[in-house]
Amino acid sequence: MAGSGLLVLVVAHVGLGFQRAIVTRQARQVVFSDGGVKYDAGSGWKPDQGGMQSTDTPDFFYEDGDDRNPSIEYTDGIMGSTGLDKLKAASRSSDPGVAGALDVDPTRIGGYQAASAEAKGVKFEVSGPITQEVTISMPAQSDSPRIEDVFIKPVCMAYEDFYAGFTADTPSCFSVTPTEGRMDRRGGDPTVLTVQVKADGQVGQKVGTLCVVLPDEGEQFNVKVTANFS
């Protein structure tokens, strides 16, 4: 009997503890309410017409033919940020050379121009051995000159200015073109000189010496030209 009373007491005690635990958990529950929060406040606001406006410049162009497209000329901005265009009114000429640059033909490239033989102090005199000999035969009564090409093989390591001419004692019937130019470097194409001989009606033989001088390198080629008129 005593054991049964003890068991009832234990069960009642356990049940009481369980009930307290349930009550405690119920006491800790949090109940959320609306609290008066509004999510659409200000949704009906609109900016005033004619007020603050964006000052950003668009980074695009309008369609062709649209009047909103700015008129851009090819000279716009050509002065850059130098401010020279603002000095135009205060100066007789504020052009930095742009007008002249636009007059230049962009498809034409200027070639190299060497100083004249006289400016270089070149003298056409035989110095050293004869490196080539050329013989030309033509009628003494010919009205057409005879032309012969002479090839000078380059021997220098770099491009060099050359000057060509006959010696002072050469008869006037001999001439050469070109008289100056730039010779290729060693291993390159030979320089072609065109020798022209004109008949003067006299039968016989005339001899001239063509000198090709490279003053910067101290090189010289001597070509003996013999013309036989029959």
C-alpha atoms as a PDB file:
ATOM      1  CA  MET A   1       0.000   0.000   0.000  1.00  0.00           C
ATOM      2  CA  ALA A   2       2.879   2.281   0.887  1.00  0.00           C
ATOM      3  CA  GLY A   3       4.504   1.446  -2.458  1.00  0.00           C
ATOM      4  CA  SER A   4       1.387   2.401  -4.331  1.00  0.00           C
ATOM      5  CA  GLY A   5       1.237   5.758  -2.604  1.00  0.00           C
ATOM      6  CA  LEU A   6       4.847   6.432  -3.462  1.00  0.00           C
ATOM      7  CA  LEU A   7       4.219   5.633  -7.122  1.00  0.00           C
ATOM      8  CA  VAL A   8       1.250   8.006  -7.256  1.00  0.00           C
ATOM      9  CA  LEU A   9       3.311  10.719  -5.669  1.00  0.00           C
ATOM     10  CA  VAL A  10       6.119  10.264  -8.198  1.00  0.00           C
ATOM     11  CA  VAL A  11       3.747  10.285 -11.139  1.00  0.00           C
ATOM     12  CA  ALA A  12       1.996  13.344  -9.792  1.00  0.00           C
ATOM     13  CA  HIS A  13       5.328  15.090  -9.326  1.00  0.00           C
ATOM     14  CA  VAL A  14       6.439  14.236 -12.858  1.00  0.00           C
ATOM     15  CA  GLY A  15       3.147  15.401 -14.267  1.00  0.00           C
ATOM     16  CA  LEU A  16       3.407  18.647 -12.383  1.00  0.00           C
ATOM     17  CA  GLY A  17       6.898  19.249 -13.803  1.00  0.00           C
ATOM     18  CA  PHE A  18       5.759  18.537 -17.309  1.00  0.00           C
ATOM     19  CA  GLN A  19       2.865  20.952 -16.880  1.00  0.00           C
ATOM     20  CA  ARG A  20       5.229  23.654 -15.657  1.00  0.00           C
ATOM     21  CA  ALA A  21       7.496  23.076 -18.665  1.00  0.00           C
ATOM     22  CA  ILE A  22       4.556  23.489 -20.976  1.00  0.00           C
ATOM     23  CA  VAL A  23       3.491  26.642 -19.254  1.00  0.00           C
ATOM     24  CA  THR A  24       7.018  27.999 -19.401  1.00  0.00           C
ATOM     25  CA  ARG A  25       7.337  27.379 -23.156  1.00  0.00           C
ATOM     26  CA  GLN A  26       3.989  29.004 -23.759  1.00  0.00           C
ATOM     27  CA  ALA A  27       5.066  32.044 -21.772  1.00  0.00           C
ATOM     28  CA  ARG A  28       8.114  32.570 -24.069  1.00  0.00           C
ATOM     29  CA  GLN A  29       6.166  32.734 -27.382  1.00  0.00           C
ATOM     30  CA  VAL A  30       6.435  36.059 -29.314  1.00  0.00           C
ATOM     31  CA  VAL A  31       3.446  37.364 -31.178  1.00  0.00           C
ATOM     32  CA  PHE A  32       4.158  39.698 -34.164  1.00  0.00           C
ATOM     33  CA  SER A  33       1.661  42.295 -35.170  1.00  0.00           C
ATOM     34  CA  ASP A  34       1.284  44.701 -38.122  1.00  0.00           C
ATOM     35  CA  GLY A  35       2.700  47.581 -36.119  1.00  0.00           C
ATOM     36  CA  GLY A  36       1.345  50.186 -38.543  1.00  0.00           C
ATOM     37  CA  VAL A  37       4.072  49.630 -41.239  1.00  0.00           C
ATOM     38  CA  LYS A  38       3.190  51.183 -44.644  1.00  0.00           C
ATOM     39  CA  TYR A  39       4.894  49.936 -47.785  1.00  0.00           C
ATOM     40  CA  ASP A  40       3.376  52.279 -50.380  1.00  0.00           C
ATOM     41  CA  ALA A  41       4.258  55.595 -48.745  1.00  0.00           C
ATOM     42  CA  GLY A  42       5.262  58.191 -51.355  1.00  0.00           C
ATOM     43  CA  SER A  43       4.277  56.018 -54.293  1.00  0.00           C
ATOM     44  CA  GLY A  44       2.158  58.803 -55.702  1.00  0.00           C
ATOM     45  CA  TRP A  45       4.951  61.450 -55.703  1.00  0.00           C
ATOM     46  CA  LYS A  46       5.851  63.049 -59.043  1.00  0.00           C
ATOM     47  CA  PRO A  47       8.553  65.641 -59.775  1.00  0.00           C
ATOM     48  CA  ASP A  48       7.498  69.165 -60.569  1.00  0.00           C
ATOM     49  CA  GLN A  49       7.406  70.006 -64.254  1.00  0.00           C
ATOM     50  CA  GLY A  50      10.246  72.334 -65.334  1.00  0.00           C
ATOM     51  CA  GLY A  51      12.267  71.740 -62.190  1.00  0.00           C
ATOM     52  CA  MET A  52      15.682  70.091 -61.880  1.00  0.00           C
ATOM     53  CA  GLN A  53      16.733  68.244 -65.026  1.00  0.00           C
ATOM     54  CA  SER A  54      19.612  65.943 -65.944  1.00  0.00           C
ATOM     55  CA  THR A  55      22.671  67.636 -67.426  1.00  0.00           C
ATOM     56  CA  ASP A  56      24.283  64.441 -68.732  1.00  0.00           C
ATOM     57  CA  THR A  57      25.306  64.450 -72.389  1.00  0.00           C
ATOM     58  CA  PRO A  58      24.168  61.328 -74.238  1.00  0.00           C
ATOM     59  CA  ASP A  59      26.963  59.123 -75.619  1.00  0.00           C
ATOM     60  CA  PHE A  60      25.093  58.274 -78.785  1.00  0.00           C
ATOM     61  CA  PHE A  61      23.951  59.957 -81.981  1.00  0.00           C
ATOM     62  CA  TYR A  62      20.388  60.169 -83.151  1.00  0.00           C
ATOM     63  CA  GLU A  63      19.245  58.560 -86.367  1.00  0.00           C
ATOM     64  CA  ASP A  64      20.388  60.125 -89.638  1.00  0.00           C
ATOM     65  CA  GLY A  65      18.219  63.066 -90.578  1.00  0.00           C
ATOM     66  CA  ASP A  66      17.247  63.842 -86.990  1.00  0.00           C
ATOM     67  CA  ASP A  67      17.438  67.582 -86.306  1.00  0.00           C
ATOM     68  CA  ARG A  68      18.838  66.886 -82.859  1.00  0.00           C
ATOM     69  CA  ASN A  69      22.123  65.669 -84.330  1.00  0.00           C
ATOM     70  CA  PRO A  70      24.859  68.305 -83.949  1.00  0.00           C
ATOM     71  CA  SER A  71      26.516  69.663 -87.080  1.00  0.00           C
ATOM     72  CA  ILE A  72      30.156  68.476 -86.942  1.00  0.00           C
ATOM     73  CA  GLU A  73      32.684  69.698 -89.491  1.00  0.00           C
ATOM     74  CA  TYR A  74      36.014  67.990 -90.188  1.00  0.00           C
ATOM     75  CA  THR A  75      37.840  71.038 -88.787  1.00  0.00           C
ATOM     76  CA  ASP A  76      35.988  70.986 -85.460  1.00  0.00           C
ATOM     77  CA  GLY A  77      38.441  70.392 -82.628  1.00  0.00           C
ATOM     78  CA  ILE A  78      41.424  70.422 -84.967  1.00  0.00           C
ATOM     79  CA  MET A  79      43.151  72.952 -82.701  1.00  0.00           C
ATOM     80  CA  GLY A  80      42.857  70.589 -79.750  1.00  0.00           C
ATOM     81  CA  SER A  81      43.126  72.170 -76.323  1.00  0.00           C
ATOM     82  CA  THR A  82      45.725  74.756 -77.380  1.00  0.00           C
ATOM     83  CA  GLY A  83      43.218  77.616 -77.371  1.00  0.00           C
ATOM     84  CA  LEU A  84      44.664  78.973 -80.609  1.00  0.00           C
ATOM     85  CA  ASP A  85      41.217  79.300 -82.084  1.00  0.00           C
ATOM     86  CA  LYS A  86      40.402  81.848 -79.345  1.00  0.00           C
ATOM     87  CA  LEU A  87      43.422  83.963 -80.318  1.00  0.00           C
ATOM     88  CA  LYS A  88      42.282  84.330 -83.898  1.00  0.00           C
ATOM     89  CA  ALA A  89      40.649  87.676 -83.267  1.00  0.00           C
ATOM     90  CA  ALA A  90      43.696  89.029 -81.437  1.00  0.00           C
ATOM     91  CA  SER A  91      46.286  87.891 -83.987  1.00  0.00           C
ATOM     92  CA  ARG A  92      46.706  88.414 -87.690  1.00  0.00           C
ATOM     93  CA  SER A  93      47.340  84.736 -88.207  1.00  0.00           C
ATOM     94  CA  SER A  94      46.601  82.067 -85.641  1.00  0.00           C
ATOM     95  CA  ASP A  95      47.016  79.185 -88.061  1.00  0.00           C
ATOM     96  CA  PRO A  96      49.673  76.786 -86.689  1.00  0.00           C
ATOM     97  CA  GLY A  97      50.260  75.290 -90.132  1.00  0.00           C
ATOM     98  CA  VAL A  98      47.134  73.196 -90.430  1.00  0.00           C
ATOM     99  CA  ALA A  99      46.034  74.904 -93.649  1.00  0.00           C
ATOM    100  CA  GLY A 100      49.354  74.148 -95.311  1.00  0.00           C
ATOM    101  CA  ALA A 101      49.277  70.565 -94.095  1.00  0.00           C
ATOM    102  CA  LEU A 102      45.899  70.039 -95.728  1.00  0.00           C
ATOM    103  CA  ASP A 103      47.329  71.219 -99.053  1.00  0.00           C
ATOM    104  CA  VAL A 104      49.925  68.423 -99.115  1.00  0.00           C
ATOM    105  CA  ASP A 105      49.221  65.446-101.349  1.00  0.00           C
ATOM    106  CA  PRO A 106      49.249  62.445 -98.959  1.00  0.00           C
ATOM    107  CA  THR A 107      49.794  60.001-101.825  1.00  0.00           C
ATOM    108  CA  ARG A 108      53.159  61.503-102.777  1.00  0.00           C
ATOM    109  CA  ILE A 109      56.283  60.641-100.826  1.00  0.00           C
ATOM    110  CA  GLY A 110      59.326  62.847-101.267  1.00  0.00           C
ATOM    111  CA  GLY A 111      62.590  61.142-102.141  1.00  0.00           C
ATOM    112  CA  TYR A 112      66.084  61.605-100.755  1.00  0.00           C
ATOM    113  CA  GLN A 113      67.984  64.596-102.112  1.00  0.00           C
ATOM    114  CA  ALA A 114      71.769  64.626-102.001  1.00  0.00           C
ATOM    115  CA  ALA A 115      73.953  67.711-102.073  1.00  0.00           C
ATOM    116  CA  SER A 116      75.342  68.777-105.447  1.00  0.00           C
ATOM    117  CA  ALA A 117      78.756  67.613-106.607  1.00  0.00           C
ATOM    118  CA  GLU A 118      80.034  71.176-106.372  1.00  0.00           C
ATOM    119  CA  ALA A 119      78.781  71.496-102.791  1.00  0.00           C
ATOM    120  CA  LYS A 120      80.510  68.223-101.931  1.00  0.00           C
ATOM    121  CA  GLY A 121      83.752  69.375-103.571  1.00  0.00           C
ATOM    122  CA  VAL A 122      83.745  66.492-106.046  1.00  0.00           C
ATOM    123  CA  LYS A 123      86.108  66.707-109.030  1.00  0.00           C
ATOM    124  CA  PHE A 124      85.844  64.300-111.924  1.00  0.00           C
ATOM    125  CA  GLU A 125      89.470  63.350-112.362  1.00  0.00           C
ATOM    126  CA  VAL A 126      90.961  59.916-112.943  1.00  0.00           C
ATOM    127  CA  SER A 127      92.118  58.465-109.647  1.00  0.00           C
ATOM    128  CA  GLY A 128      93.106  54.821-109.583  1.00  0.00           C
ATOM    129  CA  PRO A 129      92.808  52.151-112.254  1.00  0.00           C
ATOM    130  CA  ILE A 130      90.191  51.789-114.993  1.00  0.00           C
ATOM    131  CA  THR A 131      87.506  49.474-113.619  1.00  0.00           C
ATOM    132  CA  GLN A 132      85.436  49.023-116.800  1.00  0.00           C
ATOM    133  CA  GLU A 133      85.709  49.574-120.552  1.00  0.00           C
ATOM    134  CA  VAL A 134      82.802  50.210-122.903  1.00  0.00           C
ATOM    135  CA  THR A 135      82.955  50.358-126.711  1.00  0.00           C
ATOM    136  CA  ILE A 136      80.260  51.985-128.822  1.00  0.00           C
ATOM    137  CA  SER A 137      80.116  51.861-132.634  1.00  0.00           C
ATOM    138  CA  MET A 138      77.821  54.099-134.675  1.00  0.00           C
ATOM    139  CA  PRO A 139      77.601  55.883-138.045  1.00  0.00           C
ATOM    140  CA  ALA A 140      79.303  59.248-138.118  1.00  0.00           C
ATOM    141  CA  GLN A 141      76.295  60.762-139.917  1.00  0.00           C
ATOM    142  CA  SER A 142      73.713  59.409-137.488  1.00  0.00           C
ATOM    143  CA  ASP A 143      71.122  61.886-136.255  1.00  0.00           C
ATOM    144  CA  SER A 144      70.130  59.669-133.328  1.00  0.00           C
ATOM    145  CA  PRO A 145      72.409  59.331-130.321  1.00  0.00           C
ATOM    146  CA  ARG A 146      73.650  55.923-129.229  1.00  0.00           C
ATOM    147  CA  ILE A 147      72.850  54.869-125.681  1.00  0.00           C
ATOM    148  CA  GLU A 148      74.724  52.349-123.550  1.00  0.00           C
ATOM    149  CA  ASP A 149      74.039  51.330-119.927  1.00  0.00           C
ATOM    150  CA  VAL A 150      76.915  50.985-117.475  1.00  0.00           C
ATOM    151  CA  PHE A 151      76.412  48.932-114.313  1.00  0.00           C
ATOM    152  CA  ILE A 152      78.325  49.847-111.161  1.00  0.00           C
ATOM    153  CA  LYS A 153      78.336  47.137-108.507  1.00  0.00           C
ATOM    154  CA  PRO A 154      78.025  48.517-104.931  1.00  0.00           C
ATOM    155  CA  VAL A 155      80.934  47.794-102.609  1.00  0.00           C
ATOM    156  CA  CYS A 156      80.134  49.760 -99.444  1.00  0.00           C
ATOM    157  CA  MET A 157      78.467  48.433 -96.294  1.00  0.00           C
ATOM    158  CA  ALA A 158      75.794  51.152 -96.291  1.00  0.00           C
ATOM    159  CA  TYR A 159      73.904  53.321 -98.749  1.00  0.00           C
ATOM    160  CA  GLU A 160      76.192  56.007-100.132  1.00  0.00           C
ATOM    161  CA  ASP A 161      75.782  59.151-102.224  1.00  0.00           C
ATOM    162  CA  PHE A 162      77.453  58.966-105.617  1.00  0.00           C
ATOM    163  CA  TYR A 163      78.306  61.516-108.307  1.00  0.00           C
ATOM    164  CA  ALA A 164      78.934  60.697-111.960  1.00  0.00           C
ATOM    165  CA  GLY A 165      80.582  62.787-114.680  1.00  0.00           C
ATOM    166  CA  PHE A 166      83.133  62.750-117.460  1.00  0.00           C
ATOM    167  CA  THR A 167      86.589  64.208-117.076  1.00  0.00           C
ATOM    168  CA  ALA A 168      87.331  67.679-118.419  1.00  0.00           C
ATOM    169  CA  ASP A 169      89.346  66.330-121.378  1.00  0.00           C
ATOM    170  CA  THR A 170      86.481  64.104-122.556  1.00  0.00           C
ATOM    171  CA  PRO A 171      84.890  65.231-125.869  1.00  0.00           C
ATOM    172  CA  SER A 172      81.536  66.979-125.551  1.00  0.00           C
ATOM    173  CA  CYS A 173      79.756  64.230-127.505  1.00  0.00           C
ATOM    174  CA  PHE A 174      79.720  62.119-124.305  1.00  0.00           C
ATOM    175  CA  SER A 175      77.144  62.577-121.533  1.00  0.00           C
ATOM    176  CA  VAL A 176      75.758  60.525-118.633  1.00  0.00           C
ATOM    177  CA  THR A 177      72.562  60.329-116.587  1.00  0.00           C
ATOM    178  CA  PRO A 178      71.933  60.419-113.708  1.00  0.00           C
ATOM    179  CA  THR A 179      74.760  62.614-112.480  1.00  0.00           C
ATOM    180  CA  GLU A 180      74.048  61.952-108.789  1.00  0.00           C
ATOM    181  CA  GLY A 181      72.073  59.605-106.581  1.00  0.00           C
ATOM    182  CA  ARG A 182      72.334  57.041-103.828  1.00  0.00           C
ATOM    183  CA  MET A 183      74.085  53.741-104.341  1.00  0.00           C
ATOM    184  CA  ASP A 184      72.826  50.551-102.751  1.00  0.00           C
ATOM    185  CA  ARG A 185      74.867  48.741-100.117  1.00  0.00           C
ATOM    186  CA  ARG A 186      77.041  45.731-100.819  1.00  0.00           C
ATOM    187  CA  GLY A 187      75.058  42.810-102.180  1.00  0.00           C
ATOM    188  CA  GLY A 188      72.261  45.074-103.427  1.00  0.00           C
ATOM    189  CA  ASP A 189      71.238  46.064-106.941  1.00  0.00           C
ATOM    190  CA  PRO A 190      73.885  47.717-109.114  1.00  0.00           C
ATOM    191  CA  THR A 191      73.656  51.389-109.995  1.00  0.00           C
ATOM    192  CA  VAL A 192      72.689  51.873-113.639  1.00  0.00           C
ATOM    193  CA  LEU A 193      74.236  54.827-115.478  1.00  0.00           C
ATOM    194  CA  THR A 194      73.173  55.636-119.038  1.00  0.00           C
ATOM    195  CA  VAL A 195      75.955  56.866-121.315  1.00  0.00           C
ATOM    196  CA  GLN A 196      74.911  58.788-124.420  1.00  0.00           C
ATOM    197  CA  VAL A 197      77.082  59.457-127.450  1.00  0.00           C
ATOM    198  CA  LYS A 198      76.187  61.875-130.238  1.00  0.00           C
ATOM    199  CA  ALA A 199      77.794  61.778-133.677  1.00  0.00           C
ATOM    200  CA  ASP A 200      79.239  65.008-135.096  1.00  0.00           C
ATOM    201  CA  GLY A 201      79.759  63.815-138.677  1.00  0.00           C
ATOM    202  CA  GLN A 202      83.463  63.067-138.260  1.00  0.00           C
ATOM    203  CA  VAL A 203      84.778  59.574-138.882  1.00  0.00           C
ATOM    204  CA  GLY A 204      87.198  58.196-136.329  1.00  0.00           C
ATOM    205  CA  GLN A 205      87.519  57.258-132.704  1.00  0.00           C
ATOM    206  CA  LYS A 206      86.830  59.300-129.608  1.00  0.00           C
ATOM    207  CA  VAL A 207      87.572  58.306-126.012  1.00  0.00           C
ATOM    208  CA  GLY A 208      86.090  59.577-122.793  1.00  0.00           C
ATOM    209  CA  THR A 209      86.519  58.671-119.111  1.00  0.00           C
ATOM    210  CA  LEU A 210      83.508  58.430-116.848  1.00  0.00           C
ATOM    211  CA  CYS A 211      84.198  58.902-113.140  1.00  0.00           C
ATOM    212  CA  VAL A 212      81.785  57.643-110.466  1.00  0.00           C
ATOM    213  CA  VAL A 213      82.783  59.136-107.125  1.00  0.00           C
ATOM    214  CA  LEU A 214      81.631  58.207-103.587  1.00  0.00           C
ATOM    215  CA  PRO A 215      83.105  61.117-101.607  1.00  0.00           C
ATOM    216  CA  ASP A 216      81.992  59.972 -98.159  1.00  0.00           C
ATOM    217  CA  GLU A 217      83.793  56.642 -98.535  1.00  0.00           C
ATOM    218  CA  GLY A 218      86.691  57.714-100.735  1.00  0.00           C
ATOM    219  CA  GLU A 219      85.659  55.213-103.406  1.00  0.00           C
ATOM    220  CA  GLN A 220      85.842  55.889-107.160  1.00  0.00           C
ATOM    221  CA  PHE A 221      85.036  53.907-110.297  1.00  0.00           C
ATOM    222  CA  ASN A 222      86.630  54.858-113.635  1.00  0.00           C
ATOM    223  CA  VAL A 223      84.949  53.720-116.843  1.00  0.00           C
ATOM    224  CA  LYS A 224      86.694  54.134-120.198  1.00  0.00           C
ATOM    225  CA  VAL A 225      84.211  54.778-123.018  1.00  0.00           C
ATOM    226  CA  THR A 226      85.399  54.392-126.618  1.00  0.00           C
ATOM    227  CA  ALA A 227      83.204  55.569-129.498  1.00  0.00           C
ATOM    228  CA  ASN A 228      83.990  54.432-133.042  1.00  0.00           C
ATOM    229  CA  PHE A 229      82.361  56.541-135.788  1.00  0.00           C
ATOM    230  CA  SER A 230      82.281  55.077-139.275  1.00  0.00           C
END
